[in-house]
Structure formats: structure tokens, C-alpha cells
């Protein structure tokens, strides 16, 4: 353990503390510093008990998330419908313009065939 830094030693000691092992394993030169830090870690562990949210809170949060998701999907479907409508209108306009140009070209070509230009 001599080549480990104090961070590594503290991490290993914290793991041991979480397993319920209170003994201190450290290199001789770091014993005092680690003893103080481990005492602080033990005090923090006693003060900070793990907590879990109540089932009522979990259910309420779940319902809120589902509600937000469905509201978001409804908003997205509105946006998608609006986008499809705009694209369809734009395509319809393009088709109308192309059709009008096609009719004009057809009429110009046909007019020249019916009434040939005489020179």
C-alpha cells in the first residue's frame, strides 16, 4: 500500500467502512492523517442515513412524467401535422406553377403547328 496515494487509501477505507469494517489499514507514515479523516467519514456515515422516497411521491412523480410525455407528444403531433400541411401546400403550389408552364409551352408549340409561319 506504500505506493498508493492518500485518495486511493481513503477510497479503500471508505469501502471497508461501508462493509462494516472499522479497522484502519494504512501505511505507517499516513496513520495519523488517515485516522482523523476516517473518524470524519464515520461521523458522516452515522449522520447521513440512506433515504428512499415515499411510495406516494414515486407514484405522483410517475403520473407527472407520463402526463408531460403525453402532452409533449400531442404538441409534437400538432407540429407534425402543421409541417405536413405546409409541405403539402408548397408542393401543390409547385405542381400548379409547373402545370401552368407546361400548358403555356404546349399551347405555344401547338399554335406554331396549326398556323405555320409563312415567310
Protein backbone atom coordinates (compact mmCIF):
# COMPACT_ATOMS: atom_id res chain seq x y z
CA UNK A 1 0.00 0.00 0.00
CA UNK A 2 3.06 2.24 0.17
CA UNK A 3 2.76 3.23 -3.50
CA UNK A 4 -0.91 4.27 -3.18
CA UNK A 5 -1.85 7.91 -2.81
CA UNK A 6 -4.00 9.18 0.04
CA UNK A 7 -7.02 9.28 -2.32
CA UNK A 8 -6.67 5.57 -3.06
CA UNK A 9 -6.21 4.75 0.62
CA UNK A 10 -9.29 6.79 1.59
CA UNK A 11 -11.31 5.11 -1.13
CA UNK A 12 -10.30 1.66 0.09
CA UNK A 13 -11.01 2.64 3.70
CA UNK A 14 -14.43 4.03 2.73
CA UNK A 15 -15.25 0.75 1.00
CA UNK A 16 -14.25 -1.13 4.15
CA UNK A 17 -16.36 1.24 6.25
CA UNK A 18 -19.37 0.61 4.02
CA UNK A 19 -18.89 -3.13 4.59
CA UNK A 20 -18.93 -2.50 8.34
CA UNK A 21 -15.21 -2.96 8.90
CA UNK A 22 -13.97 -0.22 11.25
CA UNK A 23 -10.27 -1.15 11.41
CA UNK A 24 -7.74 1.13 9.75
CA UNK A 25 -5.25 -0.27 7.30
CA UNK A 26 -2.71 2.34 6.24
CA UNK A 27 1.00 2.82 5.73
CA UNK A 28 2.77 3.96 8.91
CA UNK A 29 3.53 7.48 7.62
CA UNK A 30 -0.15 8.26 6.91
CA UNK A 31 -1.76 6.74 10.02
CA UNK A 32 -2.47 9.99 11.89
CA UNK A 33 -3.88 11.85 8.89
CA UNK A 34 -5.97 8.86 7.84
CA UNK A 35 -7.22 8.29 11.39
CA UNK A 36 -8.61 11.82 11.50
CA UNK A 37 -10.15 11.51 8.04
CA UNK A 38 -11.68 8.12 8.83
CA UNK A 39 -13.20 9.45 12.05
CA UNK A 40 -14.77 12.22 9.98
CA UNK A 41 -16.03 9.63 7.46
CA UNK A 42 -17.56 7.54 10.26
CA UNK A 43 -19.32 10.61 11.68
CA UNK A 44 -20.64 11.46 8.22
CA UNK A 45 -21.85 7.89 7.71
CA UNK A 46 -23.75 7.97 11.01
CA UNK A 47 -25.29 11.37 10.24
CA UNK A 48 -26.21 10.63 6.63
CA UNK A 49 -28.60 7.71 6.67
CA UNK A 50 -29.82 6.48 3.26
CA UNK A 51 -33.37 7.53 2.45
CA UNK A 52 -35.94 6.38 -0.06
CA UNK A 53 -38.84 8.42 -1.38
CA UNK A 54 -42.32 7.51 -0.19
CA UNK A 55 -44.47 5.36 -2.50
CA UNK A 56 -46.96 8.23 -2.78
CA UNK A 57 -44.22 10.54 -4.06
CA UNK A 58 -42.97 7.93 -6.52
CA UNK A 59 -46.49 7.33 -7.88
CA UNK A 60 -47.17 11.07 -8.16
CA UNK A 61 -43.88 11.65 -9.95
CA UNK A 62 -44.60 8.77 -12.32
CA UNK A 63 -48.01 10.20 -13.18
CA UNK A 64 -46.49 13.63 -13.76
CA UNK A 65 -43.86 12.21 -16.10
CA UNK A 66 -46.42 10.25 -18.10
CA UNK A 67 -48.62 13.35 -18.31
CA UNK A 68 -45.75 15.50 -19.52
CA UNK A 69 -44.78 12.89 -22.10
CA UNK A 70 -48.30 12.65 -23.50
CA UNK A 71 -48.62 16.47 -23.58
CA UNK A 72 -45.31 16.65 -25.39
CA UNK A 73 -46.33 14.01 -27.91
CA UNK A 74 -49.62 15.82 -28.54
CA UNK A 75 -47.72 19.05 -29.13
CA UNK A 76 -45.32 17.22 -31.41
CA UNK A 77 -48.17 15.69 -33.39
CA UNK A 78 -49.69 19.17 -33.82
CA UNK A 79 -46.37 20.44 -35.08
CA UNK A 80 -46.00 17.45 -37.39
CA UNK A 81 -49.49 17.95 -38.82
CA UNK A 82 -48.79 21.64 -39.36
CA UNK A 83 -45.49 20.83 -41.08
CA UNK A 84 -47.15 18.24 -43.33
CA UNK A 85 -49.85 20.76 -44.25
CA UNK A 86 -47.26 23.42 -45.12
CA UNK A 87 -45.21 20.98 -47.19
CA UNK A 88 -48.32 19.74 -48.99
CA UNK A 89 -49.40 23.32 -49.75
CA UNK A 90 -45.93 24.17 -51.05
CA UNK A 91 -45.86 21.05 -53.25
CA UNK A 92 -49.34 21.85 -54.53
CA UNK A 93 -48.20 25.35 -55.46
CA UNK A 94 -45.14 24.00 -57.24
CA UNK A 95 -47.27 21.49 -59.17
CA UNK A 96 -49.69 24.27 -60.16
CA UNK A 97 -46.90 26.51 -61.42
CA UNK A 98 -45.24 23.64 -63.34
CA UNK A 99 -48.62 22.68 -64.84
CA UNK A 100 -49.28 26.26 -65.93
CA UNK A 101 -45.84 26.47 -67.54
CA UNK A 102 -46.46 23.12 -69.25
CA UNK A 103 -49.80 24.30 -70.63
CA UNK A 104 -48.25 27.52 -71.94
CA UNK A 105 -45.41 25.58 -73.63
CA UNK A 106 -47.92 23.11 -75.12
CA UNK A 107 -50.09 25.90 -76.49
CA UNK A 108 -47.10 27.73 -77.98
CA UNK A 109 -45.89 24.57 -79.71
CA UNK A 110 -49.37 23.67 -80.89
CA UNK A 111 -50.08 27.14 -82.23
CA UNK A 112 -46.96 27.00 -84.36
CA UNK A 113 -48.07 23.64 -85.83
CA UNK A 114 -51.59 24.81 -86.70
CA UNK A 115 -50.58 28.10 -88.17
CA UNK A 116 -47.14 27.76 -89.70
CA UNK A 117 -45.31 31.00 -90.02
CA UNK A 118 -45.03 31.94 -93.69
CA UNK A 119 -42.08 33.78 -94.92
